[in-house]
């Protein structure tokens, strides 16, 4: 007697027991539902919510006032406004230097190039990421080597990195994914031990902090995205952060036709001493970045507080498992609020049907990263297509490519991709009532799990 059990355990044992007695009947746990309102919306019942959630992106008069002078000036290509935005972005993130680019993918590609990544090299990264992380490696003619994830934090597992290191490994590319950060302390220690470079893919981690240092400032270079869905946005855009002036000068030259920049770039080989691309940010984009940064602190605070409130409530519902964060994360931010869906708690209801049921209740649930359902990025067709390309066939021997294919095994990531559900961070910009609606919708689905079919 007197032994405490968790609220989750109480719900699970009590509700499962009750369900076994009454069959498909709804079992209200906390009095939220009456027999009339408990019926699932997708079966004709009343939805938990009909009001739309917070929209994204958000703009106001300040954004219009910033962009109109640029439009009217006729100077739209990179000039003073971009430089102003870079200086402000660097200050916000706590970096010495910032270079703005056309998008986060080009920021990653440029960073890897600046660190000398090229044909024959290997870069260790995570299989649980958006396609751009891998694109950047392949576009530099290197092989992405996948170290599986930590199933609780969803980030690359640092304890699985060293076993992937070979004589061809030159860099580690951790991606701070959805709403957390990779263990940068361990990753940097591994990199230092093996003389490797580190590029942070912080494209989903705006203002997240590891021991009070912001994501994107803990590696040799850090990259962020400013794409339409990101927490700082100008529609399309990217940023490279770094403290090493020479590296940043090289990034600048590469993103600007190879033109010399700074004191470290030789000018004795003409106006284009290196091969470069053109991925410069435009002035009108930068004007939006400047004003968007003014609201990001308050928006981040609101997202974080709402996420903490929702997680505390929703974690008690059986079969719904929130992401855990490393203790060294001194600030969490959310690009995507992710959860694991354990279908065994829902009569093995397929994830697609579970999502359909939540959407019918007014909750914009999705599967997350935009990967093929049930598969991680290392199983996407772009890998094999690139390995079979003329360029890769010339760079890599058949034996090496066959050996590489044999290492594409990341079961933890595959399992996570198959179980991920969640929603975009715009939902977290709402009120506590919005969070309560989400919780009630999840609870309603659980209480009606016997009716999911």
Protein backbone atom coordinates (compact mmCIF):
# COMPACT_ATOMS: atom_id res chain seq x y z
CA UNK A 1 0.00 0.00 0.00
CA UNK A 2 1.09 3.55 -0.57
CA UNK A 3 3.24 2.65 -3.58
CA UNK A 4 2.99 5.45 -6.13
CA UNK A 5 2.30 4.78 -9.80
CA UNK A 6 2.64 7.30 -12.59
CA UNK A 7 -0.36 8.97 -14.13
CA UNK A 8 0.59 7.38 -17.46
CA UNK A 9 0.64 3.91 -15.88
CA UNK A 10 -2.66 4.54 -14.11
CA UNK A 11 -4.29 5.61 -17.37
CA UNK A 12 -2.90 2.68 -19.28
CA UNK A 13 -3.91 -0.03 -16.81
CA UNK A 14 -7.27 1.51 -15.93
CA UNK A 15 -8.33 2.33 -19.48
CA UNK A 16 -7.16 -0.93 -20.99
CA UNK A 17 -8.97 -2.82 -18.25
CA UNK A 18 -12.13 -0.84 -18.77
CA UNK A 19 -11.97 -1.27 -22.52
CA UNK A 20 -11.81 -5.03 -22.11
CA UNK A 21 -15.14 -4.86 -20.28
CA UNK A 22 -17.12 -2.49 -22.49
CA UNK A 23 -15.54 -3.21 -25.84
CA UNK A 24 -15.59 -0.31 -28.25
CA UNK A 25 -17.18 2.21 -25.90
CA UNK A 26 -15.34 5.47 -25.24
CA UNK A 27 -13.81 5.66 -21.76
CA UNK A 28 -13.53 9.29 -20.64
CA UNK A 29 -10.58 9.51 -18.26
CA UNK A 30 -10.85 13.05 -16.98
CA UNK A 31 -14.38 14.13 -17.80
CA UNK A 32 -13.52 16.03 -20.98
CA UNK A 33 -16.04 14.13 -23.05
CA UNK A 34 -19.70 13.24 -22.85
CA UNK A 35 -21.15 10.33 -24.83
CA UNK A 36 -22.20 12.87 -27.48
CA UNK A 37 -18.85 14.64 -27.85
CA UNK A 38 -16.64 11.58 -27.43
CA UNK A 39 -17.38 10.21 -30.90
CA UNK A 40 -14.40 10.57 -33.22
CA UNK A 41 -14.73 13.41 -35.71
CA UNK A 42 -13.72 11.18 -38.61
CA UNK A 43 -16.69 8.97 -37.69
CA UNK A 44 -19.10 11.88 -37.66
CA UNK A 45 -18.52 13.24 -34.17
CA UNK A 46 -17.83 16.80 -33.09
CA UNK A 47 -14.16 17.78 -33.59
CA UNK A 48 -12.16 19.03 -30.63
CA UNK A 49 -11.20 22.13 -32.59
CA UNK A 50 -12.44 24.02 -35.64
CA UNK A 51 -10.43 27.21 -35.20
CA UNK A 52 -7.22 27.39 -37.31
CA UNK A 53 -3.87 27.50 -35.57
CA UNK A 54 -1.38 30.36 -35.76
CA UNK A 55 -0.22 31.20 -39.29
CA UNK A 56 3.40 31.34 -40.46
CA UNK A 57 5.30 33.34 -41.57
CA UNK A 58 4.34 36.43 -39.59
CA UNK A 59 4.91 39.96 -40.84
CA UNK A 60 3.80 43.43 -39.88
CA UNK A 61 4.25 47.06 -40.89
CA UNK A 62 7.93 46.99 -39.96
CA UNK A 63 8.61 44.34 -42.60
CA UNK A 64 6.79 46.35 -45.26
CA UNK A 65 8.61 49.52 -44.24
CA UNK A 66 11.95 47.70 -44.57
CA UNK A 67 11.41 46.11 -47.95
CA UNK A 68 9.78 48.95 -49.87
CA UNK A 69 12.81 51.30 -49.88
CA UNK A 70 14.94 48.46 -51.25
CA UNK A 71 12.44 47.74 -54.00
CA UNK A 72 12.22 51.41 -54.91
CA UNK A 73 16.00 51.88 -54.90
CA UNK A 74 16.47 49.55 -57.85
CA UNK A 75 19.51 48.02 -56.06
CA UNK A 76 18.31 44.49 -55.41
CA UNK A 77 21.54 42.48 -55.70
CA UNK A 78 23.92 42.07 -52.76
CA UNK A 79 25.03 45.41 -51.30
CA UNK A 80 24.77 47.27 -48.00
CA UNK A 81 21.50 45.77 -46.73
CA UNK A 82 22.91 42.24 -46.94
CA UNK A 83 26.03 43.32 -45.05
CA UNK A 84 23.85 44.95 -42.37
CA UNK A 85 21.82 41.76 -42.02
CA UNK A 86 25.01 39.67 -41.75
CA UNK A 87 26.34 41.85 -38.94
CA UNK A 88 23.05 41.69 -37.06
CA UNK A 89 22.75 37.92 -37.57
CA UNK A 90 26.29 37.35 -36.30
CA UNK A 91 25.55 39.40 -33.15
CA UNK A 92 22.31 37.51 -32.55
CA UNK A 93 24.04 34.15 -32.80
CA UNK A 94 27.22 35.08 -30.96
CA UNK A 95 29.55 34.51 -33.94
CA UNK A 96 32.35 36.74 -35.23
CA UNK A 97 31.29 36.42 -38.86
CA UNK A 98 28.19 35.65 -40.91
CA UNK A 99 27.74 35.10 -44.64
CA UNK A 100 24.20 35.09 -46.03
CA UNK A 101 23.46 32.82 -48.98
CA UNK A 102 20.54 31.95 -51.23
CA UNK A 103 19.51 28.99 -49.05
CA UNK A 104 20.65 26.63 -46.32
CA UNK A 105 21.65 23.94 -48.81
CA UNK A 106 24.13 26.27 -50.48
CA UNK A 107 25.39 27.30 -47.04
CA UNK A 108 26.19 23.65 -46.30
CA UNK A 109 27.71 23.01 -49.73
CA UNK A 110 29.88 26.13 -49.46
CA UNK A 111 31.03 25.27 -45.93
CA UNK A 112 32.11 21.76 -46.88
CA UNK A 113 33.97 23.14 -49.89
CA UNK A 114 35.77 25.70 -47.72
CA UNK A 115 36.91 22.92 -45.40
CA UNK A 116 38.44 21.04 -48.32
CA UNK A 117 35.87 18.27 -48.68
CA UNK A 118 36.05 16.70 -52.14
CA UNK A 119 36.16 13.56 -54.26
CA UNK A 120 37.33 10.47 -52.39
CA UNK A 121 36.48 11.90 -48.96
CA UNK A 122 33.93 10.70 -46.45
CA UNK A 123 31.76 12.85 -44.20
CA UNK A 124 29.96 11.29 -41.23
CA UNK A 125 26.40 12.47 -40.75
CA UNK A 126 22.99 11.40 -39.47
CA UNK A 127 20.43 9.36 -41.43
CA UNK A 128 17.58 11.19 -39.67
CA UNK A 129 17.68 14.52 -41.46
CA UNK A 130 16.31 16.50 -44.35
CA UNK A 131 17.70 15.67 -47.77
CA UNK A 132 19.77 18.89 -47.98
CA UNK A 133 22.28 17.58 -45.43
CA UNK A 134 23.16 14.69 -47.71
CA UNK A 135 22.88 16.74 -50.91
CA UNK A 136 25.65 19.03 -49.69
CA UNK A 137 28.05 16.12 -49.18
CA UNK A 138 27.28 14.49 -52.52
CA UNK A 139 27.52 17.81 -54.38
CA UNK A 140 31.10 18.04 -53.11
CA UNK A 141 31.69 14.54 -54.60
CA UNK A 142 32.19 13.00 -51.15
CA UNK A 143 30.46 10.01 -49.58
CA UNK A 144 27.94 10.55 -46.75
CA UNK A 145 28.67 7.94 -44.09
CA UNK A 146 25.75 7.42 -41.72
CA UNK A 147 26.08 6.92 -37.99
CA UNK A 148 22.77 5.85 -36.48
CA UNK A 149 20.78 7.99 -34.06
CA UNK A 150 20.19 8.07 -30.34
CA UNK A 151 16.55 6.93 -30.20
CA UNK A 152 15.64 9.19 -27.27
CA UNK A 153 17.06 12.50 -28.52
CA UNK A 154 16.67 11.72 -32.26
CA UNK A 155 20.14 13.17 -32.89
CA UNK A 156 23.20 11.42 -34.30
CA UNK A 157 24.58 9.04 -31.66
CA UNK A 158 28.14 10.19 -30.86
CA UNK A 159 28.97 6.73 -29.53
CA UNK A 160 28.44 5.34 -33.05
CA UNK A 161 30.61 7.88 -34.85
CA UNK A 162 34.07 6.50 -34.17
CA UNK A 163 33.24 3.09 -35.60
CA UNK A 164 32.46 4.85 -38.90
CA UNK A 165 35.77 6.70 -39.12
CA UNK A 166 38.22 5.50 -41.80
CA UNK A 167 41.36 6.84 -43.40
CA UNK A 168 39.08 8.70 -45.82
CA UNK A 169 37.02 10.51 -43.19
CA UNK A 170 37.61 14.27 -43.21
CA UNK A 171 34.61 15.79 -41.43
CA UNK A 172 31.55 15.28 -39.25
CA UNK A 173 28.26 16.94 -40.19
CA UNK A 174 25.80 16.70 -37.29
CA UNK A 175 22.28 17.96 -37.98
CA UNK A 176 20.40 19.49 -35.06
CA UNK A 177 17.08 18.08 -36.07
CA UNK A 178 13.42 19.02 -35.37
CA UNK A 179 13.66 20.43 -31.84
CA UNK A 180 16.98 19.39 -30.31
CA UNK A 181 20.75 19.53 -30.65
CA UNK A 182 23.40 16.92 -31.24
CA UNK A 183 25.89 16.23 -28.44
CA UNK A 184 28.44 18.78 -29.60
CA UNK A 185 30.74 18.18 -26.64
CA UNK A 186 31.33 14.55 -27.61
CA UNK A 187 31.36 15.26 -31.34
CA UNK A 188 34.01 17.96 -31.02
CA UNK A 189 36.12 15.69 -28.82
CA UNK A 190 35.97 12.94 -31.45
CA UNK A 191 36.83 15.42 -34.19
CA UNK A 192 39.82 16.73 -32.27
CA UNK A 193 41.04 13.21 -31.53
CA UNK A 194 40.94 12.22 -35.22
CA UNK A 195 41.85 15.60 -36.74
CA UNK A 196 38.46 16.06 -38.39
CA UNK A 197 36.52 19.22 -39.21
CA UNK A 198 32.97 19.87 -37.98
CA UNK A 199 30.17 21.63 -39.83
CA UNK A 200 26.94 22.08 -37.88
CA UNK A 201 23.73 21.74 -39.83
CA UNK A 202 21.70 24.05 -37.58
CA UNK A 203 19.09 24.75 -40.26
CA UNK A 204 16.31 23.72 -37.85
CA UNK A 205 17.85 25.01 -34.63
CA UNK A 206 17.61 28.80 -34.58
CA UNK A 207 18.62 30.10 -31.11
CA UNK A 208 19.00 26.65 -29.55
CA UNK A 209 21.88 26.58 -27.06
CA UNK A 210 24.41 24.06 -25.83
CA UNK A 211 25.91 25.25 -22.54
CA UNK A 212 24.76 28.79 -23.42
CA UNK A 213 26.40 28.77 -26.87
CA UNK A 214 24.06 28.95 -29.82
CA UNK A 215 23.66 26.24 -32.41
CA UNK A 216 25.86 26.97 -35.40
CA UNK A 217 28.73 28.39 -33.34
CA UNK A 218 30.17 25.16 -31.91
CA UNK A 219 31.89 23.70 -34.97
CA UNK A 220 34.41 25.01 -37.50
CA UNK A 221 31.43 26.41 -39.41
CA UNK A 222 27.69 26.42 -38.78
CA UNK A 223 24.81 26.68 -41.25
CA UNK A 224 21.25 27.86 -40.83
CA UNK A 225 18.29 28.00 -43.19
CA UNK A 226 16.04 31.02 -43.70
CA UNK A 227 13.52 29.15 -45.85
CA UNK A 228 9.82 29.97 -45.63
CA UNK A 229 9.03 27.48 -42.84
CA UNK A 230 12.04 28.33 -40.64
CA UNK A 231 11.87 30.29 -37.39
CA UNK A 232 13.75 33.17 -39.01
CA UNK A 233 12.73 33.46 -42.64
CA UNK A 234 12.94 35.57 -45.76
CA UNK A 235 11.25 33.01 -48.01
CA UNK A 236 14.50 31.45 -49.22
CA UNK A 237 17.89 32.07 -47.66
CA UNK A 238 20.75 30.63 -45.66
CA UNK A 239 23.56 31.68 -43.35
CA UNK A 240 27.10 30.50 -42.59
CA UNK A 241 28.54 31.32 -39.17
CA UNK A 242 32.21 31.16 -38.25
CA UNK A 243 34.97 32.70 -36.15
CA UNK A 244 37.85 31.84 -38.48
CA UNK A 245 38.30 34.83 -40.79
CA UNK A 246 40.29 32.89 -43.37
CA UNK A 247 37.61 30.20 -43.66
CA UNK A 248 34.89 32.81 -43.96
CA UNK A 249 36.84 34.67 -46.67
CA UNK A 250 37.02 31.43 -48.63
CA UNK A 251 33.28 30.88 -48.17
CA UNK A 252 32.62 34.39 -49.44
CA UNK A 253 34.79 33.89 -52.52
CA UNK A 254 33.20 30.55 -53.34
CA UNK A 255 29.66 31.97 -53.07
CA UNK A 256 30.60 34.96 -55.29
CA UNK A 257 32.10 33.52 -58.49
CA UNK A 258 35.45 32.84 -56.79
CA UNK A 259 36.25 36.53 -56.48
CA UNK A 260 38.94 37.38 -53.91
CA UNK A 261 37.78 38.50 -50.48
CA UNK A 262 39.80 39.57 -47.44
CA UNK A 263 43.48 39.49 -46.65
CA UNK A 264 43.90 35.74 -47.04
CA UNK A 265 42.77 35.45 -50.66
CA UNK A 266 45.47 35.80 -53.30
CA UNK A 267 44.93 38.54 -55.88
CA UNK A 268 47.85 37.66 -58.11
CA UNK A 269 45.76 35.23 -60.19
CA UNK A 270 43.22 37.69 -61.54
CA UNK A 271 39.74 38.56 -60.40
CA UNK A 272 38.61 34.95 -60.03
CA UNK A 273 41.47 33.03 -58.41
CA UNK A 274 39.26 30.05 -57.44
CA UNK A 275 36.30 28.26 -58.97
CA UNK A 276 33.10 29.55 -57.43
CA UNK A 277 29.34 29.52 -57.57
CA UNK A 278 26.79 32.28 -57.35
CA UNK A 279 24.59 31.93 -54.28
CA UNK A 280 24.43 35.48 -52.99
CA UNK A 281 21.48 36.79 -51.02
CA UNK A 282 19.47 39.65 -52.51
CA UNK A 283 18.96 43.01 -50.80
CA UNK A 284 15.19 42.68 -50.45
CA UNK A 285 15.61 39.25 -48.83
CA UNK A 286 18.08 40.71 -46.34
CA UNK A 287 15.69 43.51 -45.43
CA UNK A 288 13.18 40.87 -44.30
CA UNK A 289 15.86 39.00 -42.34
CA UNK A 290 16.67 42.19 -40.44
CA UNK A 291 13.09 42.77 -39.30
CA UNK A 292 12.36 39.08 -38.68
CA UNK A 293 15.23 38.97 -36.19
CA UNK A 294 13.46 41.61 -34.09
CA UNK A 295 10.68 39.20 -33.12
CA UNK A 296 12.54 35.89 -32.97
CA UNK A 297 13.45 36.07 -29.27
CA UNK A 298 9.85 36.53 -28.18
CA UNK A 299 8.59 33.91 -30.61
CA UNK A 300 11.22 31.42 -29.44
CA UNK A 301 10.27 32.01 -25.81
CA UNK A 302 6.61 31.43 -26.60
CA UNK A 303 7.32 28.24 -28.56
CA UNK A 304 9.54 26.86 -25.80
CA UNK A 305 7.05 27.61 -23.03
CA UNK A 306 4.12 26.14 -24.94
CA UNK A 307 6.13 23.07 -25.88
CA UNK A 308 7.12 22.47 -22.26
CA UNK A 309 3.50 22.86 -21.14
CA UNK A 310 2.20 20.51 -23.83
CA UNK A 311 4.90 17.91 -23.27
CA UNK A 312 4.17 17.76 -19.55
CA UNK A 313 0.53 16.98 -20.32
CA UNK A 314 0.85 14.77 -23.36
CA UNK A 315 3.61 12.52 -22.01
CA UNK A 316 1.03 10.86 -19.75
CA UNK A 317 -0.93 9.50 -22.72
CA UNK A 318 0.19 5.93 -23.45
CA UNK A 319 1.84 5.34 -26.79
CA UNK A 320 2.86 8.98 -27.34
CA UNK A 321 6.55 9.52 -26.56
CA UNK A 322 8.07 13.03 -26.64
CA UNK A 323 11.67 13.74 -27.63
CA UNK A 324 14.21 13.94 -24.81
CA UNK A 325 16.94 16.58 -24.73
CA UNK A 326 20.51 16.46 -23.50
CA UNK A 327 21.03 18.14 -20.14
CA UNK A 328 23.63 20.42 -21.71
CA UNK A 329 20.92 22.05 -23.83
CA UNK A 330 20.42 25.32 -22.00
CA UNK A 331 17.80 26.48 -24.49
CA UNK A 332 15.46 24.38 -26.57
CA UNK A 333 13.83 25.65 -29.71
CA UNK A 334 11.30 24.06 -31.97
CA UNK A 335 11.15 23.86 -35.73
CA UNK A 336 9.02 20.72 -35.52
CA UNK A 337 7.32 19.39 -32.42
CA UNK A 338 8.00 15.68 -32.75
CA UNK A 339 6.57 12.63 -31.01
CA UNK A 340 6.84 8.89 -31.41
CA UNK A 341 3.60 7.06 -32.10
CA UNK A 342 3.59 3.52 -30.66
CA UNK A 343 0.79 1.77 -32.49
CA UNK A 344 0.70 -1.22 -30.12
CA UNK A 345 -1.09 1.07 -27.64
CA UNK A 346 -3.75 1.80 -30.28
CA UNK A 347 -4.78 -1.70 -31.35
CA UNK A 348 -2.03 -1.59 -34.00
CA UNK A 349 -3.78 1.26 -35.79
CA UNK A 350 -1.57 2.34 -38.72
CA UNK A 351 0.13 5.69 -38.30
CA UNK A 352 -1.61 7.14 -41.36
CA UNK A 353 -5.01 6.42 -39.83
CA UNK A 354 -3.90 7.86 -36.48
CA UNK A 355 -2.84 11.06 -38.27
CA UNK A 356 -6.12 11.15 -40.18
CA UNK A 357 -8.01 10.88 -36.90
CA UNK A 358 -6.07 13.77 -35.33
CA UNK A 359 -6.51 15.94 -38.40
CA UNK A 360 -10.25 15.34 -38.28
CA UNK A 361 -10.15 16.68 -34.71
CA UNK A 362 -8.53 19.86 -36.01
CA UNK A 363 -4.87 19.08 -35.22
CA UNK A 364 -2.48 19.48 -38.24
CA UNK A 365 -0.44 16.35 -37.57
CA UNK A 366 2.16 15.10 -40.07
CA UNK A 367 4.98 12.56 -40.38
CA UNK A 368 7.80 15.09 -40.21
CA UNK A 369 10.93 15.23 -42.30
CA UNK A 370 9.52 14.76 -45.77
CA UNK A 371 11.21 11.39 -46.26
CA UNK A 372 9.66 8.27 -47.73
CA UNK A 373 7.37 6.74 -45.13
CA UNK A 374 9.21 4.09 -43.15
CA UNK A 375 12.62 4.91 -44.61
CA UNK A 376 15.52 7.13 -43.56
CA UNK A 377 17.39 9.43 -45.93
CA UNK A 378 20.09 6.81 -46.55
CA UNK A 379 17.48 4.70 -48.36
CA UNK A 380 16.33 7.48 -50.68
CA UNK A 381 16.95 7.00 -54.39
CA UNK A 382 19.37 9.91 -54.64
CA UNK A 383 22.11 7.86 -52.94
CA UNK A 384 22.15 5.04 -55.46
CA UNK A 385 21.56 7.40 -58.37
CA UNK A 386 24.63 9.41 -57.37
CA UNK A 387 26.78 6.34 -56.78
CA UNK A 388 25.92 5.22 -60.32
CA UNK A 389 26.67 8.61 -61.85
CA UNK A 390 29.56 9.03 -64.29
CA UNK A 391 31.40 11.29 -61.83
CA UNK A 392 31.24 8.89 -58.89
CA UNK A 393 32.05 5.90 -61.07
CA UNK A 394 35.25 7.69 -62.09
CA UNK A 395 36.19 8.82 -58.58
CA UNK A 396 35.42 5.61 -56.66
CA UNK A 397 36.31 2.02 -57.41
CA UNK A 398 33.60 -0.61 -57.67
CA UNK A 399 35.00 -2.32 -54.59
CA UNK A 400 34.77 0.83 -52.53
CA UNK A 401 31.23 1.62 -53.63
CA UNK A 402 30.12 -1.96 -52.94
CA UNK A 403 31.69 -1.75 -49.50
CA UNK A 404 29.97 1.56 -48.90
CA UNK A 405 26.57 0.14 -49.87
CA UNK A 406 27.07 -2.63 -47.34
CA UNK A 407 27.27 -0.10 -44.51
CA UNK A 408 23.91 1.59 -45.16
CA UNK A 409 22.26 0.13 -42.09
CA UNK A 410 20.64 2.43 -39.52
CA UNK A 411 17.82 0.53 -37.77
CA UNK A 412 17.21 3.13 -35.06
CA UNK A 413 16.63 5.83 -37.64
CA UNK A 414 14.40 3.56 -39.71
CA UNK A 415 12.26 2.86 -36.65
CA UNK A 416 12.02 6.54 -35.78
CA UNK A 417 10.99 7.54 -39.30
CA UNK A 418 8.24 4.92 -39.15
CA UNK A 419 6.93 6.28 -35.83
CA UNK A 420 7.33 10.06 -36.12
CA UNK A 421 4.30 12.29 -35.80
CA UNK A 422 4.12 15.97 -34.94
CA UNK A 423 3.48 19.46 -36.25
CA UNK A 424 5.25 22.61 -37.40
CA UNK A 425 6.38 25.16 -34.83
CA UNK A 426 3.74 27.70 -35.91
CA UNK A 427 1.29 25.71 -33.80
CA UNK A 428 3.38 26.51 -30.71
CA UNK A 429 2.93 30.25 -31.27
CA UNK A 430 -0.63 30.00 -30.01
CA UNK A 431 -2.18 30.11 -26.55
CA UNK A 432 -2.37 27.66 -23.66
CA UNK A 433 -5.91 26.95 -24.81
CA UNK A 434 -4.45 25.83 -28.15
CA UNK A 435 -2.11 23.44 -26.31
CA UNK A 436 -5.04 22.12 -24.26
CA UNK A 437 -6.93 21.45 -27.49
CA UNK A 438 -4.01 19.41 -28.81
CA UNK A 439 -3.83 17.44 -25.59
CA UNK A 440 -7.57 16.78 -25.55
CA UNK A 441 -7.48 15.63 -29.16
CA UNK A 442 -4.69 13.14 -28.45
CA UNK A 443 -6.53 11.94 -25.36
CA UNK A 444 -9.76 11.58 -27.30
CA UNK A 445 -8.05 9.39 -29.89
CA UNK A 446 -6.54 7.24 -27.16
CA UNK A 447 -9.87 6.82 -25.40
CA UNK A 448 -11.43 5.82 -28.73
CA UNK A 449 -8.59 3.58 -29.84
CA UNK A 450 -10.90 0.58 -30.04
CA UNK A 451 -12.83 2.41 -32.76
CA UNK A 452 -9.81 3.08 -34.96
CA UNK A 453 -10.05 0.82 -37.96
